[in-house]
């Protein structure tokens, strides 16, 4: 990062949304967040330099970066086609080339940039690191604050569709009593948050930072939600049992019993006596561990080796698409022109955010930092709500879920949706969040 800015450059504009509120405290200066001397965001902060102050942020990508992105996509050196007729060797060449053609010719980053800039976005320093977050307050009285955490290869882009349904429920089939104030932070090393320059930013440390963030925003009662790494962070928040945290909701619970985990590790068949739901979950996990875990193992062991993700936009896109079989199949259908929960532009919004912020490797380091067993129960004792989407990495059975969370206040199996539930099925996801926390208001 660099702390200088050149106001005379036309493409570098400051965001002054908080200017009126802070003028009385002192003059304002502009602080640009940059990587490799290319400014992509700017914030307004007090001239006194209090980095723990909450500062407004505006996204402003120089056109030169977008031109360079398109040039690199067009210059991709392609491999030969896979030697099979399915995706068993990875993301298929036809899918990746369709994505690349659209990305280089028709995709418009400025549309999502405008969406982001229409939302209240902020930066504040916590534990020595800049944390970016969206913060939208409801117009309804007594709205319940919720902090929503994304995962990998997701970002704040995942949660954009649920902001209005949660903050403005009366416009989306809910009631005023269902309203939330919504806080959506970017994980360290992801998006517009800072990139840790030292080790130690694991889910527990992030959880402590999120508690500080909610306190800094003045919330004394709140709930938390997450899936993927968002669940890992949210469960660690629950284990801290901070006074204001009433309960959590997860769409990717950590519930795998020890006997199931041991059988999977050994490559054994499913243990005897499992119910139909348990057998289905075992089969999903067995497939994921044998065919879908490669990206996680590489990032957990050698994240710095992934230089190609920082150098090739198509390489980055393919790596991100190869997360889980159901999501990859959905994305393939999207680029075949079929109607799905996601569009081509939405998928590329997320990938382009990673590219522009140069966070392929900094985000991968979270896998290296983590020392927790991702799917093992963490013995959370506060109220927990669980929504199970069928195409998640595994659809947690109720039996496993009840054992993992002794204070289970909500459990529901949804008919449709996968790993990126808030993104794919925002209406159903929002309804689940409302129902989950209704008893805690």
Protein backbone atom coordinates (compact mmCIF):
# COMPACT_ATOMS: atom_id res chain seq x y z
CA UNK A 1 0.00 0.00 0.00
CA UNK A 2 1.04 3.57 -0.51
CA UNK A 3 -0.28 6.59 1.34
CA UNK A 4 0.09 9.23 -1.34
CA UNK A 5 -2.34 10.37 -3.98
CA UNK A 6 -2.03 12.61 -7.00
CA UNK A 7 -5.26 14.66 -7.19
CA UNK A 8 -4.46 15.95 -10.64
CA UNK A 9 -4.99 12.51 -12.18
CA UNK A 10 -8.52 12.55 -13.67
CA UNK A 11 -9.30 8.90 -12.90
CA UNK A 12 -8.53 9.30 -9.20
CA UNK A 13 -11.52 10.81 -7.43
CA UNK A 14 -12.17 11.01 -3.72
CA UNK A 15 -15.39 9.95 -2.07
CA UNK A 16 -16.71 12.60 0.31
CA UNK A 17 -19.78 10.92 1.72
CA UNK A 18 -18.63 11.46 5.29
CA UNK A 19 -17.25 14.94 4.76
CA UNK A 20 -20.18 16.79 6.30
CA UNK A 21 -20.08 14.61 9.39
CA UNK A 22 -16.35 15.04 9.95
CA UNK A 23 -15.59 18.61 8.88
CA UNK A 24 -16.07 19.87 12.41
CA UNK A 25 -13.42 17.48 13.68
CA UNK A 26 -10.71 18.83 11.39
CA UNK A 27 -9.67 19.16 7.78
CA UNK A 28 -9.99 16.19 5.49
CA UNK A 29 -7.22 14.47 3.60
CA UNK A 30 -7.43 11.78 0.94
CA UNK A 31 -5.81 8.41 1.40
CA UNK A 32 -5.46 6.10 -1.58
CA UNK A 33 -5.26 2.36 -1.23
CA UNK A 34 -2.95 1.03 -3.91
CA UNK A 35 -1.10 -2.04 -4.99
CA UNK A 36 1.90 -1.81 -7.31
CA UNK A 37 1.27 1.94 -7.71
CA UNK A 38 -2.16 1.43 -9.26
CA UNK A 39 -4.85 3.20 -7.26
CA UNK A 40 -8.18 1.39 -7.22
CA UNK A 41 -9.89 2.82 -4.15
CA UNK A 42 -9.83 5.98 -2.12
CA UNK A 43 -11.08 6.91 1.31
CA UNK A 44 -11.72 10.10 3.19
CA UNK A 45 -10.04 10.30 6.57
CA UNK A 46 -9.22 12.93 9.14
CA UNK A 47 -5.99 14.81 8.59
CA UNK A 48 -4.99 13.76 12.12
CA UNK A 49 -4.47 10.26 10.75
CA UNK A 50 -6.60 8.18 13.14
CA UNK A 51 -6.63 4.89 11.24
CA UNK A 52 -9.11 3.37 13.68
CA UNK A 53 -11.65 5.97 12.61
CA UNK A 54 -14.36 4.74 10.27
CA UNK A 55 -13.56 6.21 6.87
CA UNK A 56 -15.71 6.23 3.74
CA UNK A 57 -14.50 4.37 0.66
CA UNK A 58 -15.18 4.69 -3.04
CA UNK A 59 -14.09 2.22 -5.70
CA UNK A 60 -12.48 3.84 -8.74
CA UNK A 61 -10.57 1.54 -11.07
CA UNK A 62 -8.35 3.33 -13.60
CA UNK A 63 -9.36 2.52 -17.16
CA UNK A 64 -5.78 1.44 -17.85
CA UNK A 65 -6.27 -1.57 -15.55
CA UNK A 66 -9.38 -2.68 -17.43
CA UNK A 67 -7.62 -2.29 -20.79
CA UNK A 68 -4.72 -4.38 -19.48
CA UNK A 69 -7.11 -7.03 -18.18
CA UNK A 70 -8.73 -7.41 -21.58
CA UNK A 71 -5.31 -7.54 -23.27
CA UNK A 72 -4.17 -10.33 -20.99
CA UNK A 73 -7.35 -12.33 -21.54
CA UNK A 74 -6.94 -12.11 -25.32
CA UNK A 75 -3.27 -13.11 -25.04
CA UNK A 76 -4.05 -16.35 -23.16
CA UNK A 77 -2.00 -19.31 -24.32
CA UNK A 78 -4.53 -22.10 -24.38
CA UNK A 79 -3.91 -25.79 -23.65
CA UNK A 80 -5.35 -28.57 -25.75
CA UNK A 81 -8.84 -29.82 -25.04
CA UNK A 82 -9.32 -32.33 -22.23
CA UNK A 83 -9.25 -35.96 -23.29
CA UNK A 84 -12.58 -36.82 -21.68
CA UNK A 85 -16.14 -35.71 -22.37
CA UNK A 86 -16.88 -34.49 -18.85
CA UNK A 87 -15.28 -32.27 -16.20
CA UNK A 88 -13.37 -35.08 -14.49
CA UNK A 89 -10.04 -33.54 -15.59
CA UNK A 90 -11.03 -30.06 -14.43
CA UNK A 91 -12.75 -27.00 -15.85
CA UNK A 92 -13.42 -27.81 -19.47
CA UNK A 93 -11.74 -25.86 -22.27
CA UNK A 94 -15.02 -24.92 -23.95
CA UNK A 95 -16.41 -23.40 -20.73
CA UNK A 96 -13.24 -21.43 -20.05
CA UNK A 97 -13.02 -20.10 -23.61
CA UNK A 98 -16.66 -18.98 -23.54
CA UNK A 99 -15.95 -17.16 -20.27
CA UNK A 100 -12.83 -15.55 -21.72
CA UNK A 101 -14.54 -14.36 -24.89
CA UNK A 102 -17.33 -12.71 -22.91
CA UNK A 103 -14.91 -11.25 -20.36
CA UNK A 104 -12.70 -9.68 -23.02
CA UNK A 105 -15.45 -8.26 -25.22
CA UNK A 106 -18.82 -7.77 -23.51
CA UNK A 107 -18.25 -7.65 -19.75
CA UNK A 108 -18.54 -4.20 -18.12
CA UNK A 109 -16.88 -3.78 -14.71
CA UNK A 110 -18.28 -0.26 -14.36
CA UNK A 111 -21.76 -1.66 -13.70
CA UNK A 112 -20.76 -3.47 -10.52
CA UNK A 113 -18.46 -0.61 -9.57
CA UNK A 114 -21.52 1.67 -9.63
CA UNK A 115 -23.47 -0.81 -7.49
CA UNK A 116 -20.68 -0.85 -4.92
CA UNK A 117 -20.39 2.93 -4.88
CA UNK A 118 -24.15 3.23 -4.33
CA UNK A 119 -23.68 1.43 -1.01
CA UNK A 120 -22.16 2.85 2.19
CA UNK A 121 -18.63 1.39 2.22
CA UNK A 122 -15.98 1.99 4.84
CA UNK A 123 -12.46 1.21 6.00
CA UNK A 124 -11.25 0.99 9.59
CA UNK A 125 -8.04 -0.37 11.08
CA UNK A 126 -8.41 -3.26 13.52
CA UNK A 127 -5.46 -5.08 15.06
CA UNK A 128 -3.09 -3.25 12.72
CA UNK A 129 -4.94 -4.16 9.50
CA UNK A 130 -7.35 -2.18 7.33
CA UNK A 131 -10.75 -3.84 7.23
CA UNK A 132 -13.21 -2.94 4.48
CA UNK A 133 -16.93 -3.35 5.04
CA UNK A 134 -20.35 -2.45 3.70
CA UNK A 135 -22.73 -1.10 6.33
CA UNK A 136 -26.39 -0.53 5.47
CA UNK A 137 -28.81 0.53 8.19
CA UNK A 138 -32.49 -0.30 7.92
CA UNK A 139 -35.12 2.42 7.84
CA UNK A 140 -37.18 0.34 10.28
CA UNK A 141 -36.95 0.84 14.01
CA UNK A 142 -35.38 -1.85 16.19
CA UNK A 143 -33.62 -3.51 13.28
CA UNK A 144 -31.38 -6.37 14.40
CA UNK A 145 -27.72 -5.92 13.39
CA UNK A 146 -26.18 -8.87 11.51
CA UNK A 147 -22.59 -9.31 10.37
CA UNK A 148 -22.38 -11.51 7.26
CA UNK A 149 -19.05 -13.09 6.28
CA UNK A 150 -18.17 -14.45 2.85
CA UNK A 151 -15.79 -17.28 1.99
CA UNK A 152 -13.39 -18.31 -0.80
CA UNK A 153 -13.63 -17.98 -3.76
CA UNK A 154 -16.35 -15.53 -2.81
CA UNK A 155 -16.33 -11.91 -1.75
CA UNK A 156 -18.72 -9.13 -0.82
CA UNK A 157 -20.14 -9.62 -4.33
CA UNK A 158 -21.86 -12.76 -2.99
CA UNK A 159 -23.98 -10.81 -0.53
CA UNK A 160 -25.08 -7.82 -2.61
CA UNK A 161 -28.46 -9.38 -3.44
CA UNK A 162 -29.45 -9.96 0.19
CA UNK A 163 -28.82 -6.42 1.44
CA UNK A 164 -32.17 -4.94 0.42
CA UNK A 165 -34.28 -7.99 1.42
CA UNK A 166 -32.73 -7.89 4.90
CA UNK A 167 -32.71 -4.12 5.47
CA UNK A 168 -36.00 -3.46 3.67
CA UNK A 169 -38.06 -6.63 4.28
CA UNK A 170 -41.45 -5.03 3.63
CA UNK A 171 -40.48 -4.70 -0.04
CA UNK A 172 -39.60 -8.40 -0.23
CA UNK A 173 -42.45 -10.25 1.44
CA UNK A 174 -41.37 -9.70 5.03
CA UNK A 175 -42.51 -7.43 7.83
CA UNK A 176 -40.87 -4.46 9.52
CA UNK A 177 -40.17 -6.63 12.56
CA UNK A 178 -37.88 -8.76 10.36
CA UNK A 179 -35.53 -5.87 9.53
CA UNK A 180 -31.75 -6.02 9.90
CA UNK A 181 -28.90 -3.57 9.87
CA UNK A 182 -26.38 -5.34 7.62
CA UNK A 183 -22.59 -5.33 7.99
CA UNK A 184 -20.60 -7.18 5.30
CA UNK A 185 -16.82 -7.12 5.79
CA UNK A 186 -14.14 -8.26 3.35
CA UNK A 187 -11.95 -10.95 4.90
CA UNK A 188 -8.30 -9.95 5.44
CA UNK A 189 -6.39 -10.50 2.22
CA UNK A 190 -9.62 -10.38 0.22
CA UNK A 191 -11.19 -7.55 -1.77
CA UNK A 192 -10.54 -4.09 -0.39
CA UNK A 193 -9.36 -5.18 3.05
CA UNK A 194 -5.67 -5.02 3.85
CA UNK A 195 -3.29 -7.87 3.05
CA UNK A 196 -1.60 -9.23 6.18
CA UNK A 197 2.17 -8.81 6.03
CA UNK A 198 2.75 -11.13 8.99
CA UNK A 199 1.37 -14.52 9.96
CA UNK A 200 -1.46 -15.14 12.40
CA UNK A 201 -4.62 -14.03 10.61
CA UNK A 202 -6.55 -17.25 11.10
CA UNK A 203 -10.34 -17.55 11.61
CA UNK A 204 -10.03 -16.98 15.38
CA UNK A 205 -8.15 -13.71 14.91
CA UNK A 206 -10.61 -12.57 12.26
CA UNK A 207 -13.45 -13.40 14.66
CA UNK A 208 -11.89 -11.17 17.31
CA UNK A 209 -11.60 -8.39 14.74
CA UNK A 210 -15.28 -8.77 13.81
CA UNK A 211 -16.27 -8.42 17.48
CA UNK A 212 -14.26 -5.20 17.63
CA UNK A 213 -15.91 -4.01 14.41
CA UNK A 214 -19.42 -4.51 15.78
CA UNK A 215 -18.46 -2.74 19.00
CA UNK A 216 -16.94 0.12 17.01
CA UNK A 217 -20.20 0.49 15.10
CA UNK A 218 -22.00 0.86 18.42
CA UNK A 219 -23.89 -2.41 18.39
CA UNK A 220 -24.52 -3.99 21.80
CA UNK A 221 -26.87 -6.73 20.48
CA UNK A 222 -26.27 -8.48 17.16
CA UNK A 223 -26.18 -11.79 15.31
CA UNK A 224 -23.72 -13.29 12.83
CA UNK A 225 -24.02 -15.29 9.62
CA UNK A 226 -21.55 -17.13 7.42
CA UNK A 227 -20.82 -19.94 5.02
CA UNK A 228 -17.51 -21.46 3.90
CA UNK A 229 -14.75 -19.44 5.66
CA UNK A 230 -17.59 -17.22 6.81
CA UNK A 231 -18.87 -20.13 8.87
CA UNK A 232 -15.41 -20.80 10.31
CA UNK A 233 -15.13 -17.17 11.39
CA UNK A 234 -18.71 -17.02 12.64
CA UNK A 235 -18.30 -20.15 14.77
CA UNK A 236 -15.10 -18.72 16.24
CA UNK A 237 -17.07 -15.59 17.13
CA UNK A 238 -19.59 -17.81 18.88
CA UNK A 239 -16.82 -19.54 20.85
CA UNK A 240 -15.67 -16.14 22.11
CA UNK A 241 -19.20 -15.61 23.50
CA UNK A 242 -18.92 -11.81 23.37
CA UNK A 243 -21.72 -10.18 25.42
CA UNK A 244 -23.55 -8.77 22.39
CA UNK A 245 -23.64 -11.87 20.18
CA UNK A 246 -27.12 -13.41 20.47
CA UNK A 247 -26.74 -16.29 18.00
CA UNK A 248 -25.39 -17.37 14.63
CA UNK A 249 -26.73 -18.71 11.33
CA UNK A 250 -24.78 -20.89 8.93
CA UNK A 251 -25.44 -22.30 5.49
CA UNK A 252 -22.34 -24.51 5.67
CA UNK A 253 -22.31 -26.07 9.15
CA UNK A 254 -19.39 -27.99 10.63
CA UNK A 255 -21.05 -31.19 11.81
CA UNK A 256 -19.10 -34.27 10.67
CA UNK A 257 -18.95 -36.87 13.48
CA UNK A 258 -15.61 -38.48 14.32
CA UNK A 259 -16.55 -41.92 12.97
CA UNK A 260 -17.56 -40.39 9.65
CA UNK A 261 -14.39 -38.29 9.46
CA UNK A 262 -12.22 -41.33 10.22
CA UNK A 263 -13.92 -43.43 7.55
CA UNK A 264 -13.51 -40.67 4.97
CA UNK A 265 -9.85 -40.24 5.88
CA UNK A 266 -9.25 -43.97 5.45
CA UNK A 267 -11.20 -44.13 2.21
CA UNK A 268 -13.54 -46.71 3.69
CA UNK A 269 -17.17 -47.30 2.69
CA UNK A 270 -19.84 -45.53 4.70
CA UNK A 271 -20.25 -46.98 8.20
CA UNK A 272 -23.20 -49.31 8.81
CA UNK A 273 -26.42 -48.00 10.26
CA UNK A 274 -26.55 -44.62 8.54
CA UNK A 275 -29.88 -43.04 7.61
CA UNK A 276 -30.63 -42.09 4.00
CA UNK A 277 -29.64 -38.44 4.66
CA UNK A 278 -26.44 -39.55 6.36
CA UNK A 279 -25.52 -41.87 3.47
CA UNK A 280 -26.13 -39.05 1.01
CA UNK A 281 -23.92 -36.65 3.00
CA UNK A 282 -21.21 -39.33 3.21
CA UNK A 283 -21.29 -39.83 -0.56
CA UNK A 284 -21.03 -36.07 -1.14
CA UNK A 285 -18.06 -35.79 1.21
CA UNK A 286 -16.36 -38.85 -0.24
CA UNK A 287 -16.60 -37.35 -3.73
CA UNK A 288 -15.32 -33.96 -2.54
CA UNK A 289 -12.35 -35.40 -0.68
CA UNK A 290 -11.36 -37.59 -3.65
CA UNK A 291 -12.05 -35.18 -6.52
CA UNK A 292 -12.59 -31.63 -5.27
CA UNK A 293 -10.14 -30.90 -2.48
CA UNK A 294 -7.03 -30.25 -4.59
CA UNK A 295 -7.30 -26.45 -4.58
CA UNK A 296 -7.62 -26.37 -0.79
CA UNK A 297 -4.64 -28.67 -0.25
CA UNK A 298 -2.42 -26.57 -2.50
CA UNK A 299 -3.43 -23.29 -0.86
CA UNK A 300 -3.08 -24.79 2.61
CA UNK A 301 0.42 -26.05 1.88
CA UNK A 302 2.00 -23.80 -0.76
CA UNK A 303 -0.04 -20.64 -1.39
CA UNK A 304 2.97 -18.61 -2.47
CA UNK A 305 3.58 -21.01 -5.35
CA UNK A 306 0.41 -19.87 -7.14
CA UNK A 307 2.10 -17.07 -9.10
CA UNK A 308 0.16 -17.95 -12.22
CA UNK A 309 -3.08 -16.81 -10.56
CA UNK A 310 -1.63 -13.32 -10.15
CA UNK A 311 -0.31 -13.25 -13.72
CA UNK A 312 -3.08 -14.79 -15.82
CA UNK A 313 -6.72 -13.70 -15.52
CA UNK A 314 -7.91 -16.87 -17.26
CA UNK A 315 -5.74 -18.97 -14.93
CA UNK A 316 -7.33 -17.19 -11.97
CA UNK A 317 -10.84 -17.70 -13.35
CA UNK A 318 -10.33 -21.43 -13.95
CA UNK A 319 -8.86 -21.91 -10.45
CA UNK A 320 -11.85 -20.15 -8.89
CA UNK A 321 -14.39 -22.03 -11.00
CA UNK A 322 -12.98 -25.39 -9.90
CA UNK A 323 -14.29 -25.10 -6.33
CA UNK A 324 -16.95 -27.78 -6.20
CA UNK A 325 -18.62 -29.95 -8.79
CA UNK A 326 -22.14 -28.51 -8.43
CA UNK A 327 -21.00 -24.90 -8.69
CA UNK A 328 -18.77 -25.71 -11.64
CA UNK A 329 -21.65 -27.41 -13.43
CA UNK A 330 -23.91 -24.42 -12.76
CA UNK A 331 -21.27 -22.03 -14.11
CA UNK A 332 -20.89 -24.18 -17.21
CA UNK A 333 -24.62 -23.97 -17.82
CA UNK A 334 -24.54 -20.19 -17.36
CA UNK A 335 -21.89 -19.79 -20.06
CA UNK A 336 -23.89 -22.14 -22.28
CA UNK A 337 -26.64 -19.52 -22.14
CA UNK A 338 -29.01 -21.27 -19.74
CA UNK A 339 -30.92 -19.36 -17.08
CA UNK A 340 -29.59 -20.01 -13.58
CA UNK A 341 -29.41 -18.30 -10.20
CA UNK A 342 -26.29 -16.50 -11.40
CA UNK A 343 -25.51 -14.59 -14.60
CA UNK A 344 -22.29 -14.37 -16.58
CA UNK A 345 -21.80 -10.81 -15.40
CA UNK A 346 -22.27 -11.70 -11.74
CA UNK A 347 -19.72 -14.49 -11.97
CA UNK A 348 -17.23 -12.17 -13.65
CA UNK A 349 -17.91 -9.41 -11.12
CA UNK A 350 -16.47 -11.66 -8.44
CA UNK A 351 -13.50 -12.92 -10.49
CA UNK A 352 -12.68 -9.40 -11.67
CA UNK A 353 -12.69 -8.12 -8.09
CA UNK A 354 -10.03 -10.69 -7.22
CA UNK A 355 -8.02 -9.72 -10.31
CA UNK A 356 -8.16 -5.97 -9.77
CA UNK A 357 -7.33 -6.18 -6.07
CA UNK A 358 -4.53 -8.71 -6.72
CA UNK A 359 -5.74 -10.94 -3.93
CA UNK A 360 -5.34 -14.41 -5.45
CA UNK A 361 -2.40 -15.30 -3.21
CA UNK A 362 -3.23 -13.13 -0.20
CA UNK A 363 -6.68 -14.78 -0.01
CA UNK A 364 -5.18 -18.25 -0.46
CA UNK A 365 -3.04 -17.76 2.64
CA UNK A 366 -6.12 -18.12 4.85
CA UNK A 367 -5.98 -21.84 4.03
CA UNK A 368 -2.34 -21.91 5.19
CA UNK A 369 -3.15 -19.97 8.35
CA UNK A 370 -6.06 -22.15 9.40
CA UNK A 371 -5.24 -24.91 11.89
CA UNK A 372 -8.82 -25.94 12.66
CA UNK A 373 -10.50 -29.06 11.29
CA UNK A 374 -12.87 -27.32 8.90
CA UNK A 375 -15.88 -29.65 9.14
CA UNK A 376 -15.46 -30.92 12.71
CA UNK A 377 -17.95 -29.68 15.35
CA UNK A 378 -16.50 -26.80 17.39
CA UNK A 379 -18.79 -27.20 20.43
CA UNK A 380 -20.66 -23.93 19.95
CA UNK A 381 -22.90 -23.33 22.95
CA UNK A 382 -24.87 -20.23 21.91
CA UNK A 383 -28.02 -20.45 19.74
CA UNK A 384 -27.37 -21.70 16.21
CA UNK A 385 -29.58 -21.73 13.10
CA UNK A 386 -28.79 -23.93 10.11
CA UNK A 387 -30.04 -23.78 6.53
CA UNK A 388 -29.11 -26.77 4.36
CA UNK A 389 -28.89 -26.20 0.60
CA UNK A 390 -28.85 -29.46 -1.39
CA UNK A 391 -25.89 -28.71 -3.66
CA UNK A 392 -23.55 -27.60 -0.89
CA UNK A 393 -20.32 -29.61 -0.52
CA UNK A 394 -22.38 -31.75 1.83
CA UNK A 395 -25.97 -31.46 2.97
CA UNK A 396 -25.68 -31.81 6.72
CA UNK A 397 -28.24 -34.29 8.11
CA UNK A 398 -30.39 -33.12 10.98
CA UNK A 399 -28.97 -35.89 13.18
CA UNK A 400 -25.39 -34.61 12.78
CA UNK A 401 -26.52 -31.00 13.13
CA UNK A 402 -28.36 -31.55 16.41
CA UNK A 403 -25.30 -33.24 17.94
CA UNK A 404 -22.96 -30.48 16.76
CA UNK A 405 -25.15 -27.62 17.99
CA UNK A 406 -26.90 -28.36 21.31
CA UNK A 407 -28.83 -25.07 21.10
CA UNK A 408 -30.18 -25.51 17.58
CA UNK A 409 -32.98 -22.96 17.16
CA UNK A 410 -33.72 -23.44 13.45
CA UNK A 411 -33.06 -26.19 10.91
CA UNK A 412 -34.39 -26.26 7.37
CA UNK A 413 -33.56 -28.15 4.19
CA UNK A 414 -34.04 -26.01 1.10
CA UNK A 415 -35.15 -27.43 -2.27
CA UNK A 416 -32.57 -25.59 -4.36
CA UNK A 417 -29.20 -23.88 -4.02
CA UNK A 418 -25.56 -24.66 -3.52
CA UNK A 419 -22.33 -23.35 -2.08
CA UNK A 420 -22.99 -19.69 -2.95
CA UNK A 421 -26.48 -19.70 -1.48
CA UNK A 422 -26.91 -15.97 -0.83
CA UNK A 423 -25.76 -15.27 -4.38
CA UNK A 424 -27.68 -18.04 -6.14
CA UNK A 425 -30.92 -18.02 -4.13
CA UNK A 426 -31.13 -14.60 -2.43
CA UNK A 427 -34.88 -14.71 -1.71
CA UNK A 428 -34.78 -18.13 -0.04
CA UNK A 429 -31.57 -17.22 1.77
CA UNK A 430 -33.02 -13.96 3.10
CA UNK A 431 -36.17 -15.72 4.27
CA UNK A 432 -33.99 -18.24 6.09
CA UNK A 433 -32.03 -15.51 7.89
CA UNK A 434 -35.27 -13.81 8.97
CA UNK A 435 -36.77 -17.07 10.26
CA UNK A 436 -33.53 -18.09 11.96
CA UNK A 437 -33.23 -15.05 14.18
CA UNK A 438 -36.90 -14.26 14.83
CA UNK A 439 -36.82 -15.88 18.27
CA UNK A 440 -33.75 -13.86 19.33
CA UNK A 441 -35.13 -10.38 18.72
